[in-house]
Amino acid sequence: MTRPGRQPARRRGVGPRRETLLATVPVAVAALIGAAGPTAADTTGAPGAGDPYFPLSGNGGYHVRHYDLTLRYETSSRHLDGKAVLTARATQDLSRFDLDLTGLQVTGVAVDGAPAAFRRVGQELVVTSRHTLRTGRDFRVAVAYNGTPKPVTDPDGSADGWIPTDDGAFVAGEPQGAMTWFPANNHPKDKASYDFTITVPQGSTAVANGVLLGQRTAHGRTTFRWRESQPMASYLATATIGNFKVERYSTDDGIQVYNAVDPREASAAAPVLKQLPSVLEWESKLFGPYPYRSAGSIVDHAPDVGYALETQTRPLYDAAPDLHTLVHENAHQWFGDSVSLTTWKDIWLNEGFAVYTEWLYDEQHDGDSAQETFDALYARPASDPLWAYPPGDPGSGKNIFGAPVYQRGAMALHELRKAVGDGDFFRIVHAWPTVHRNGHGTTAQFVRLAEQISGKRLDGLFHTWLFANGKPNSA
């Protein structure tokens, strides 16, 4: 994610900055989700996934394997009608479980086709099935809902979720916003495949993740069908709607590109989006094959949003991006999207890598070297906000999009590069998204991988740059 005012993204001249829908649940994923649940004797799923920064995000007791979302949005009235069918697997015996959903009216819930009791408690939709769902059992939850979706306000004061625009909606869910438009197990450690069927007034375009399966216009409305077959965290889902100019093509590697651009941003966006294939090719050489079948960009005209987001396969921009923002958000397709977090505390693994990718791009395209960028940052005094808190433990959800996470996170990677040498460093950053492809990773796992590849003890380096307070002493 790039958020001016939250981190030093380079935006508009600102400085540095089915197929198989029911695939077997990996043991690691089941362990992650089950770990947040209650004791074995309890058949109530936990109301949160155990994240210290967002304790009610996500839920315990089950793992969602697939979301099938059917949406109808009226751009004039801003009314949304939705039906969500979640295919899930119980990771414990469940008589009751929660889904995350806020602001919308629920008109009915069914579990495996039978009506289920439900109630609302804050952001929790509490569902009680007729029969206990036994551990390891697959089940389906269908939720019908409607209303006028509104964004949530994050701890740092920014908005995310379903954000209305003058011609539709800018739909960006990091870190909490998915629950503003569909019921979800809304935490990065619960990833699933997705189908989207989105109906909008004729003339509007609805853009979601993955591959466009088809579109059809009838009776003054157009329905778009999208599918993301690879595992995706709920905050990376989008259903952005607007009056877009659409461009479609395939790269030499067979990646299907779909760009949707607001005409007001088209002239500024065109020269940057033209470089997407070369950026993906360059990033693939560093990090391994691009993780998905599709790519592209959604360039909206949303001047009040103030950030871009790495929505999976198709980053979302609130205005025409510059080249560094394009590089940053597409680096997230490896770091953050394919390899996802298990806790928001580890967000430097997303943002530090994306920022360092910008540095590497400059270095390898006749710009400043990564060392020069590092030196300019390190010259900042100890009182600078860059040193306000450690990136490996920002301390609260309010801080996860701050400069220490982004820039000092990238500085930690540069210190690693200096410590192990270029050969081992580039082997490390290639191995990380390869080993954890379509899964999850933690800071501890990254440190172990770096030590295994380099053969060096690196705990001191990572402690200094990720967890120590104040301005570190540079090596």
Protein backbone atom coordinates (compact mmCIF):
# COMPACT_ATOMS: atom_id res chain seq x y z
CA MET A 1 0.00 0.00 0.00
CA THR A 2 1.09 3.55 -0.62
CA ARG A 3 -0.46 6.26 1.50
CA PRO A 4 0.91 9.81 1.28
CA GLY A 5 1.02 11.24 4.77
CA ARG A 6 1.31 7.73 6.16
CA GLN A 7 4.47 6.66 4.38
CA PRO A 8 6.83 8.23 1.88
CA ALA A 9 5.36 6.87 -1.33
CA ARG A 10 6.36 8.60 -4.50
CA ARG A 11 3.08 10.05 -5.69
CA ARG A 12 2.64 13.01 -8.01
CA GLY A 13 6.07 14.48 -7.39
CA VAL A 14 6.16 13.71 -3.67
CA GLY A 15 9.63 12.66 -2.48
CA PRO A 16 10.88 9.04 -1.98
CA ARG A 17 8.77 7.23 -1.49
CA ARG A 18 -13.09 -23.39 -9.77
CA GLU A 19 -10.54 -24.34 -11.19
CA THR A 20 -10.16 -26.23 -7.90
CA LEU A 21 -12.34 -24.33 -5.48
CA LEU A 22 -12.29 -26.98 -2.78
CA ALA A 23 -8.59 -27.70 -2.68
CA THR A 24 -7.31 -29.51 0.38
CA VAL A 25 -6.78 -27.16 3.32
CA PRO A 26 -3.05 -27.00 4.04
CA VAL A 27 -2.14 -28.22 7.50
CA ALA A 28 -0.39 -24.92 8.18
CA VAL A 29 -3.51 -22.91 7.35
CA ALA A 30 -5.71 -25.13 9.51
CA ALA A 31 -3.26 -24.72 12.36
CA LEU A 32 -3.25 -20.93 11.96
CA ILE A 33 -7.03 -20.66 12.05
CA GLY A 34 -7.51 -23.28 14.70
CA ALA A 35 -4.95 -21.62 16.95
CA ALA A 36 -7.31 -18.69 17.47
CA GLY A 37 -10.17 -20.92 18.59
CA PRO A 38 -11.39 -21.87 22.06
CA THR A 39 -10.69 -25.04 24.01
CA ALA A 40 -11.58 -28.43 22.58
CA ALA A 41 -14.63 -28.74 24.86
CA ASP A 42 -16.11 -25.47 23.59
CA THR A 43 -18.18 -25.51 20.38
CA THR A 44 -18.30 -21.72 19.97
CA GLY A 45 -15.96 -20.21 17.42
CA ALA A 46 -13.84 -17.33 18.70
CA PRO A 47 -15.01 -13.81 17.66
CA GLY A 48 -11.50 -12.88 16.52
CA ALA A 49 -8.42 -14.43 14.95
CA GLY A 50 -6.18 -13.39 17.83
CA ASP A 51 -4.49 -10.40 16.22
CA PRO A 52 -3.22 -8.01 18.94
CA TYR A 53 -3.79 -4.90 16.79
CA PHE A 54 -7.25 -5.82 15.49
CA PRO A 55 -8.65 -8.28 18.05
CA LEU A 56 -12.09 -8.64 16.40
CA SER A 57 -10.79 -9.11 12.87
CA GLY A 58 -11.17 -12.65 11.61
CA ASN A 59 -12.78 -15.47 13.51
CA GLY A 60 -11.87 -18.81 15.04
CA GLY A 61 -13.14 -22.33 14.47
CA TYR A 62 -13.22 -22.52 10.69
CA HIS A 63 -11.28 -21.81 7.50
CA VAL A 64 -13.04 -20.31 4.46
CA ARG A 65 -11.98 -22.07 1.29
CA HIS A 66 -14.07 -20.13 -1.22
CA TYR A 67 -16.25 -17.01 -1.45
CA ASP A 68 -18.98 -16.74 -4.09
CA LEU A 69 -20.16 -13.11 -4.03
CA THR A 70 -23.17 -11.89 -6.01
CA LEU A 71 -23.57 -8.11 -5.87
CA ARG A 72 -25.90 -5.56 -7.42
CA TYR A 73 -25.01 -1.90 -6.99
CA GLU A 74 -27.01 1.17 -7.96
CA THR A 75 -24.56 4.02 -8.48
CA SER A 76 -27.24 6.71 -8.16
CA SER A 77 -28.75 5.59 -4.85
CA ARG A 78 -25.56 3.86 -3.62
CA HIS A 79 -27.63 0.84 -2.62
CA LEU A 80 -26.02 -2.61 -2.55
CA ASP A 81 -27.81 -5.95 -2.65
CA GLY A 82 -25.59 -8.90 -1.89
CA LYS A 83 -25.53 -12.63 -1.45
CA ALA A 84 -22.41 -14.33 -0.17
CA VAL A 85 -21.94 -18.10 -0.18
CA LEU A 86 -18.92 -19.20 1.83
CA THR A 87 -17.55 -22.72 1.53
CA ALA A 88 -15.64 -23.46 4.71
CA ARG A 89 -14.13 -26.23 6.79
CA ALA A 90 -14.57 -26.53 10.54
CA THR A 91 -11.27 -26.60 12.45
CA GLN A 92 -13.12 -27.51 15.66
CA ASP A 93 -16.61 -28.68 16.58
CA LEU A 94 -18.86 -25.68 15.93
CA SER A 95 -22.36 -24.97 17.14
CA ARG A 96 -21.91 -21.22 16.68
CA PHE A 97 -19.48 -19.09 14.74
CA ASP A 98 -18.94 -15.48 13.70
CA LEU A 99 -18.50 -13.64 10.43
CA ASP A 100 -17.22 -10.08 10.14
CA LEU A 101 -19.82 -7.72 8.65
CA THR A 102 -20.62 -4.14 9.52
CA GLY A 103 -23.26 -1.60 8.55
CA LEU A 104 -25.44 -3.68 6.22
CA GLN A 105 -28.79 -5.32 6.95
CA VAL A 106 -28.82 -9.12 6.97
CA THR A 107 -32.09 -10.60 5.70
CA GLY A 108 -31.28 -14.29 5.94
CA VAL A 109 -28.61 -16.86 6.79
CA ALA A 110 -28.50 -20.55 5.89
CA VAL A 111 -26.01 -23.26 6.77
CA ASP A 112 -25.93 -26.16 4.32
CA GLY A 113 -29.28 -25.03 2.93
CA ALA A 114 -31.09 -24.93 6.28
CA PRO A 115 -32.12 -21.58 7.81
CA ALA A 116 -29.84 -20.62 10.68
CA ALA A 117 -30.34 -18.28 13.61
CA PHE A 118 -28.26 -15.11 13.57
CA ARG A 119 -27.74 -11.90 15.49
CA ARG A 120 -25.54 -8.82 15.20
CA VAL A 121 -22.99 -7.83 17.83
CA GLY A 122 -20.95 -4.86 16.63
CA GLN A 123 -18.98 -6.01 13.60
CA GLU A 124 -19.80 -9.64 14.30
CA LEU A 125 -22.53 -11.59 12.55
CA VAL A 126 -23.11 -14.45 14.98
CA VAL A 127 -24.51 -17.58 13.31
CA THR A 128 -26.00 -20.56 15.14
CA SER A 129 -26.51 -23.63 12.96
CA ARG A 130 -29.18 -26.25 13.58
CA HIS A 131 -26.60 -28.94 14.17
CA THR A 132 -23.05 -28.93 15.45
CA LEU A 133 -20.51 -28.85 12.62
CA ARG A 134 -17.89 -31.46 13.40
CA THR A 135 -14.16 -30.88 13.11
CA GLY A 136 -12.92 -31.38 9.55
CA ARG A 137 -16.36 -31.07 8.00
CA ASP A 138 -16.95 -28.89 4.95
CA PHE A 139 -20.02 -26.66 5.15
CA ARG A 140 -21.63 -23.78 3.29
CA VAL A 141 -22.93 -20.52 4.70
CA ALA A 142 -25.23 -18.33 2.61
CA VAL A 143 -25.86 -14.75 3.74
CA ALA A 144 -28.34 -12.37 2.07
CA TYR A 145 -27.83 -8.69 2.86
CA ASN A 146 -28.43 -5.18 1.59
CA GLY A 147 -28.03 -1.51 2.41
CA THR A 148 -25.79 1.46 1.75
CA PRO A 149 -22.21 0.39 2.40
CA LYS A 150 -19.94 2.87 4.12
CA PRO A 151 -16.21 2.78 4.81
CA VAL A 152 -14.69 2.18 8.22
CA THR A 153 -12.28 4.61 9.83
CA ASP A 154 -8.92 3.07 10.64
CA PRO A 155 -6.94 3.83 13.83
CA ASP A 156 -4.83 6.37 11.91
CA GLY A 157 -7.93 8.23 10.75
CA SER A 158 -8.01 7.06 7.12
CA ALA A 159 -10.97 5.34 5.46
CA ASP A 160 -11.02 1.88 3.96
CA GLY A 161 -13.62 -0.50 2.63
CA TRP A 162 -16.45 0.52 0.29
CA ILE A 163 -15.69 4.21 -0.42
CA PRO A 164 -18.32 5.94 -2.61
CA THR A 165 -17.11 8.00 -5.58
CA ASP A 166 -18.95 10.34 -7.94
CA ASP A 167 -19.42 7.50 -10.45
CA GLY A 168 -19.33 4.35 -8.33
CA ALA A 169 -17.10 3.07 -5.56
CA PHE A 170 -13.40 2.76 -4.72
CA VAL A 171 -13.20 -0.57 -2.87
CA ALA A 172 -9.99 -1.04 -0.86
CA GLY A 173 -10.01 -3.21 2.24
CA GLU A 174 -6.70 -2.82 4.11
CA PRO A 175 -6.73 -3.52 6.97
CA GLN A 176 -10.41 -3.89 7.98
CA GLY A 177 -12.62 -2.80 5.10
CA ALA A 178 -13.71 -6.08 3.52
CA MET A 179 -16.43 -6.39 6.16
CA THR A 180 -18.10 -3.22 4.81
CA TRP A 181 -19.31 -5.05 1.69
CA PHE A 182 -19.31 -8.82 2.32
CA PRO A 183 -19.35 -11.18 5.33
CA ALA A 184 -15.88 -12.62 5.81
CA ASN A 185 -13.35 -14.28 8.03
CA ASN A 186 -11.58 -10.97 7.77
CA HIS A 187 -7.93 -11.60 8.64
CA PRO A 188 -4.93 -12.19 6.34
CA LYS A 189 -4.22 -15.61 7.76
CA ASP A 190 -7.50 -16.94 6.32
CA LYS A 191 -7.08 -16.98 2.53
CA ALA A 192 -9.57 -18.32 0.00
CA SER A 193 -10.45 -18.38 -3.69
CA TYR A 194 -13.18 -16.04 -4.98
CA ASP A 195 -15.93 -15.74 -7.55
CA PHE A 196 -17.56 -12.35 -8.15
CA THR A 197 -20.79 -11.65 -10.04
CA ILE A 198 -21.35 -7.88 -10.05
CA THR A 199 -24.29 -6.12 -11.71
CA VAL A 200 -24.11 -2.37 -12.30
CA PRO A 201 -25.96 0.19 -14.44
CA GLN A 202 -25.14 -0.03 -18.15
CA GLY A 203 -22.14 2.21 -18.87
CA SER A 204 -20.46 1.43 -15.56
CA THR A 205 -17.69 -1.15 -15.24
CA ALA A 206 -17.18 -3.42 -12.23
CA VAL A 207 -13.60 -4.61 -11.73
CA ALA A 208 -12.63 -7.38 -9.32
CA ASN A 209 -9.67 -9.72 -8.89
CA GLY A 210 -8.37 -12.44 -11.15
CA VAL A 211 -9.66 -13.27 -14.61
CA LEU A 212 -12.74 -11.78 -16.28
CA LEU A 213 -14.92 -14.76 -17.18
CA GLY A 214 -17.48 -12.71 -19.07
CA GLN A 215 -19.86 -9.78 -19.12
CA ARG A 216 -23.43 -9.41 -20.33
CA THR A 217 -25.72 -6.41 -20.77
CA ALA A 218 -29.51 -6.65 -20.57
CA HIS A 219 -32.35 -4.40 -19.48
CA GLY A 220 -30.08 -1.44 -18.83
CA ARG A 221 -27.58 -3.27 -16.60
CA THR A 222 -24.28 -5.05 -17.13
CA THR A 223 -23.13 -8.07 -15.17
CA PHE A 224 -19.41 -8.82 -14.81
CA ARG A 225 -18.11 -12.22 -13.68
CA TRP A 226 -14.62 -12.46 -12.20
CA ARG A 227 -12.67 -15.35 -10.68
CA GLU A 228 -9.55 -15.40 -8.51
CA SER A 229 -8.55 -19.05 -8.17
CA GLN A 230 -5.42 -18.47 -6.11
CA PRO A 231 -5.70 -17.98 -2.33
CA MET A 232 -6.41 -14.37 -1.42
CA ALA A 233 -6.75 -12.51 1.88
CA SER A 234 -10.08 -10.73 2.24
CA TYR A 235 -8.51 -7.26 2.47
CA LEU A 236 -7.09 -7.72 -1.05
CA ALA A 237 -10.51 -8.31 -2.64
CA THR A 238 -12.06 -5.48 -4.64
CA ALA A 239 -15.24 -4.72 -6.55
CA THR A 240 -14.39 -1.22 -7.73
CA ILE A 241 -17.05 0.42 -9.89
CA GLY A 242 -16.81 3.42 -12.19
CA ASN A 243 -16.94 4.81 -15.71
CA PHE A 244 -13.69 3.29 -16.87
CA LYS A 245 -11.79 3.08 -20.12
CA VAL A 246 -10.70 -0.56 -20.41
CA GLU A 247 -7.56 -1.98 -22.02
CA ARG A 248 -6.92 -5.72 -22.36
CA TYR A 249 -3.90 -7.64 -23.67
CA SER A 250 -1.57 -10.52 -22.82
CA THR A 251 2.13 -10.22 -22.03
CA ASP A 252 4.82 -12.30 -23.70
CA ASP A 253 4.65 -14.58 -20.64
CA GLY A 254 0.93 -15.18 -21.16
CA ILE A 255 -0.26 -12.99 -18.26
CA GLN A 256 -3.71 -11.55 -18.97
CA VAL A 257 -3.64 -7.80 -18.35
CA TYR A 258 -6.80 -5.80 -17.64
CA ASN A 259 -6.46 -2.08 -17.06
CA ALA A 260 -9.46 0.04 -16.08
CA VAL A 261 -8.80 3.79 -16.06
CA ASP A 262 -11.05 6.72 -15.22
CA PRO A 263 -10.98 8.99 -18.32
CA ARG A 264 -10.00 11.93 -16.10
CA GLU A 265 -6.76 10.11 -15.24
CA ALA A 266 -6.09 8.48 -18.61
CA SER A 267 -3.54 10.87 -20.11
CA ALA A 268 -1.40 10.91 -16.95
CA ALA A 269 -1.70 7.16 -16.40
CA ALA A 270 -0.96 5.95 -19.94
CA PRO A 271 2.84 6.32 -20.01
CA VAL A 272 3.19 4.63 -16.62
CA LEU A 273 0.80 1.73 -17.29
CA LYS A 274 2.63 1.11 -20.55
CA GLN A 275 5.61 0.01 -18.46
CA LEU A 276 3.69 -2.63 -16.48
CA PRO A 277 4.90 -5.62 -18.58
CA SER A 278 8.55 -4.60 -18.23
CA VAL A 279 8.11 -3.98 -14.48
CA LEU A 280 6.57 -7.43 -13.98
CA GLU A 281 9.33 -9.02 -16.08
CA TRP A 282 12.01 -7.27 -14.01
CA GLU A 283 10.38 -8.20 -10.71
CA SER A 284 9.98 -11.81 -11.85
CA LYS A 285 13.72 -12.06 -12.44
CA LEU A 286 14.35 -10.95 -8.85
CA PHE A 287 11.55 -12.73 -6.99
CA GLY A 288 10.60 -15.70 -9.15
CA PRO A 289 7.69 -16.20 -11.56
CA TYR A 290 4.76 -13.83 -11.25
CA PRO A 291 2.31 -15.60 -8.90
CA TYR A 292 -0.92 -15.17 -10.88
CA ARG A 293 -2.54 -15.64 -14.29
CA SER A 294 -3.72 -12.05 -14.52
CA ALA A 295 -2.42 -8.57 -13.81
CA GLY A 296 -3.35 -4.96 -14.48
CA SER A 297 -4.38 -1.73 -12.83
CA ILE A 298 -7.49 0.06 -11.63
CA VAL A 299 -6.92 3.82 -11.87
CA ASP A 300 -9.86 5.62 -10.30
CA HIS A 301 -10.49 9.31 -9.76
CA ALA A 302 -10.89 9.38 -5.97
CA PRO A 303 -9.18 12.54 -4.73
CA ASP A 304 -10.37 12.14 -1.15
CA VAL A 305 -8.88 8.65 -0.65
CA GLY A 306 -5.18 9.44 -0.48
CA TYR A 307 -3.62 6.04 -1.13
CA ALA A 308 -3.13 3.11 -3.48
CA LEU A 309 -3.58 -0.57 -2.59
CA GLU A 310 -2.08 -3.82 -3.83
CA THR A 311 -5.44 -5.50 -4.53
CA GLN A 312 -4.49 -8.98 -5.70
CA THR A 313 -3.66 -9.27 -9.41
CA ARG A 314 -4.80 -5.70 -10.11
CA PRO A 315 -3.55 -2.86 -7.88
CA LEU A 316 -5.97 -0.03 -7.18
CA TYR A 317 -4.89 3.61 -7.50
CA ASP A 318 -6.84 6.67 -6.38
CA ALA A 319 -5.27 8.68 -9.23
CA ALA A 320 -2.77 8.16 -12.03
CA PRO A 321 0.27 6.50 -10.39
CA ASP A 322 3.87 7.39 -10.98
CA LEU A 323 6.37 4.69 -11.87
CA HIS A 324 7.58 4.15 -8.31
CA THR A 325 4.04 3.55 -7.09
CA LEU A 326 3.48 1.05 -9.92
CA VAL A 327 6.69 -0.77 -8.95
CA HIS A 328 5.72 -0.70 -5.26
CA GLU A 329 2.18 -2.06 -5.62
CA ASN A 330 3.18 -4.80 -8.04
CA ALA A 331 6.04 -5.89 -5.77
CA HIS A 332 3.29 -6.62 -3.25
CA GLN A 333 1.95 -9.33 -5.55
CA TRP A 334 4.87 -11.37 -4.21
CA PHE A 335 5.31 -9.70 -0.81
CA GLY A 336 1.96 -9.42 0.93
CA ASP A 337 -0.40 -11.01 -1.59
CA SER A 338 1.20 -14.36 -2.45
CA VAL A 339 3.10 -14.47 0.85
CA SER A 340 0.66 -13.08 3.40
CA LEU A 341 0.86 -12.01 7.01
CA THR A 342 -0.17 -14.04 10.02
CA THR A 343 -0.40 -10.89 12.15
CA TRP A 344 -0.49 -7.17 11.30
CA LYS A 345 2.52 -6.70 13.56
CA ASP A 346 4.64 -8.20 10.75
CA ILE A 347 3.52 -5.71 8.11
CA TRP A 348 7.11 -4.62 7.46
CA LEU A 349 7.38 -7.90 5.51
CA ASN A 350 4.93 -6.36 3.04
CA GLU A 351 5.88 -2.70 3.02
CA GLY A 352 9.62 -2.91 3.69
CA PHE A 353 10.01 -5.25 0.72
CA ALA A 354 7.86 -3.09 -1.56
CA VAL A 355 9.84 0.04 -0.70
CA TYR A 356 13.17 -1.76 -1.12
CA THR A 357 11.96 -2.93 -4.53
CA GLU A 358 11.63 0.77 -5.45
CA TRP A 359 15.24 1.31 -4.36
CA LEU A 360 16.41 -1.66 -6.41
CA TYR A 361 14.48 -0.44 -9.44
CA ASP A 362 16.20 2.95 -9.23
CA GLU A 363 19.57 1.29 -8.74
CA GLN A 364 19.15 -0.93 -11.79
CA HIS A 365 17.60 1.76 -14.01
CA ASP A 366 20.20 4.52 -13.82
CA GLY A 367 18.88 6.12 -10.65
CA ASP A 368 20.30 6.45 -7.17
CA SER A 369 21.90 3.36 -5.70
CA ALA A 370 20.18 1.69 -2.77
CA GLN A 371 23.14 2.78 -0.64
CA GLU A 372 22.61 6.41 -1.62
CA THR A 373 18.93 6.18 -0.73
CA PHE A 374 19.82 4.52 2.57
CA ASP A 375 22.41 7.19 3.38
CA ALA A 376 19.96 10.04 2.74
CA LEU A 377 17.49 8.49 5.14
CA TYR A 378 20.08 7.63 7.75
CA ALA A 379 21.20 11.26 7.79
CA ARG A 380 17.93 12.22 9.42
CA PRO A 381 18.35 13.17 13.10
CA ALA A 382 17.34 10.86 15.93
CA SER A 383 14.31 13.09 16.55
CA ASP A 384 12.90 12.39 13.07
CA PRO A 385 9.62 10.41 12.90
CA LEU A 386 11.51 7.76 10.92
CA TRP A 387 12.90 6.51 14.25
CA ALA A 388 9.67 6.88 16.25
CA TYR A 389 9.07 3.14 16.73
CA PRO A 390 10.56 -0.14 15.50
CA PRO A 391 9.13 -1.55 12.26
CA GLY A 392 9.02 -5.13 13.54
CA ASP A 393 6.65 -4.11 16.34
CA PRO A 394 4.85 -0.85 15.49
CA GLY A 395 2.89 -1.06 18.73
CA SER A 396 -0.64 -0.52 17.44
CA GLY A 397 -2.82 -0.47 14.37
CA LYS A 398 -2.38 3.30 14.29
CA ASN A 399 1.27 2.88 13.32
CA ILE A 400 1.23 0.11 10.73
CA PHE A 401 1.28 2.51 7.77
CA GLY A 402 3.92 4.86 9.15
CA ALA A 403 7.39 5.76 7.87
CA PRO A 404 9.27 3.37 10.21
CA VAL A 405 7.43 0.36 8.77
CA TYR A 406 8.06 1.41 5.18
CA GLN A 407 11.43 3.13 5.14
CA ARG A 408 13.17 1.62 8.16
CA GLY A 409 11.80 -1.75 7.04
CA ALA A 410 13.58 -1.22 3.71
CA MET A 411 16.69 -0.06 5.57
CA ALA A 412 16.69 -3.35 7.48
CA LEU A 413 16.77 -5.21 4.18
CA HIS A 414 19.66 -3.06 2.98
CA GLU A 415 21.58 -3.81 6.17
CA LEU A 416 20.93 -7.49 5.52
CA ARG A 417 22.26 -7.09 1.99
CA LYS A 418 25.45 -5.48 3.27
CA ALA A 419 25.90 -8.19 5.90
CA VAL A 420 25.48 -11.21 3.62
CA GLY A 421 26.59 -9.84 0.24
CA ASP A 422 24.65 -9.47 -2.98
CA GLY A 423 24.78 -13.15 -3.93
CA ASP A 424 23.14 -14.46 -0.78
CA PHE A 425 20.85 -11.44 -0.45
CA PHE A 426 19.26 -11.95 -3.85
CA ARG A 427 18.99 -15.67 -3.17
CA ILE A 428 17.10 -14.82 0.03
CA VAL A 429 14.63 -12.43 -1.61
CA HIS A 430 14.02 -14.98 -4.37
CA ALA A 431 13.59 -17.87 -1.94
CA TRP A 432 11.16 -16.12 0.42
CA PRO A 433 8.21 -15.80 -2.01
CA THR A 434 9.09 -19.16 -3.54
CA VAL A 435 9.07 -21.16 -0.30
CA HIS A 436 5.90 -19.46 0.98
CA ARG A 437 4.06 -19.06 -2.34
CA ASN A 438 0.27 -18.77 -1.84
CA GLY A 439 0.81 -19.12 1.91
CA HIS A 440 1.99 -17.14 4.90
CA GLY A 441 5.22 -16.02 6.50
CA THR A 442 6.44 -14.51 9.76
CA THR A 443 9.41 -12.38 10.69
CA ALA A 444 10.93 -15.31 12.60
CA GLN A 445 10.66 -17.50 9.49
CA PHE A 446 12.31 -14.84 7.36
CA VAL A 447 15.21 -14.51 9.80
CA ARG A 448 15.69 -18.29 9.81
CA LEU A 449 15.67 -18.40 6.01
CA ALA A 450 18.22 -15.60 5.79
CA GLU A 451 20.48 -17.40 8.27
CA GLN A 452 20.13 -20.74 6.48
CA ILE A 453 21.04 -19.29 3.08
CA SER A 454 23.85 -17.04 4.31
CA GLY A 455 25.24 -19.36 6.98
CA LYS A 456 25.50 -16.34 9.31
CA ARG A 457 24.00 -15.43 12.66
CA LEU A 458 21.75 -12.47 11.97
CA ASP A 459 19.67 -12.14 15.12
CA GLY A 460 21.62 -9.08 16.26
CA LEU A 461 21.15 -7.28 12.95
CA PHE A 462 17.42 -7.91 12.88
CA HIS A 463 17.01 -6.98 16.52
CA THR A 464 18.73 -3.65 15.91
CA TRP A 465 16.84 -2.73 12.75
CA LEU A 466 13.45 -4.26 13.41
CA PHE A 467 12.90 -4.26 17.17
CA ALA A 468 15.19 -1.77 18.91
CA ASN A 469 13.87 1.67 19.83
CA GLY A 470 15.46 4.81 18.45
CA LYS A 471 17.92 5.42 15.64
CA PRO A 472 20.19 2.38 15.17
CA ASN A 473 23.93 2.55 14.78
CA SER A 474 24.62 1.86 11.11
CA ALA A 475 27.01 -0.97 10.30
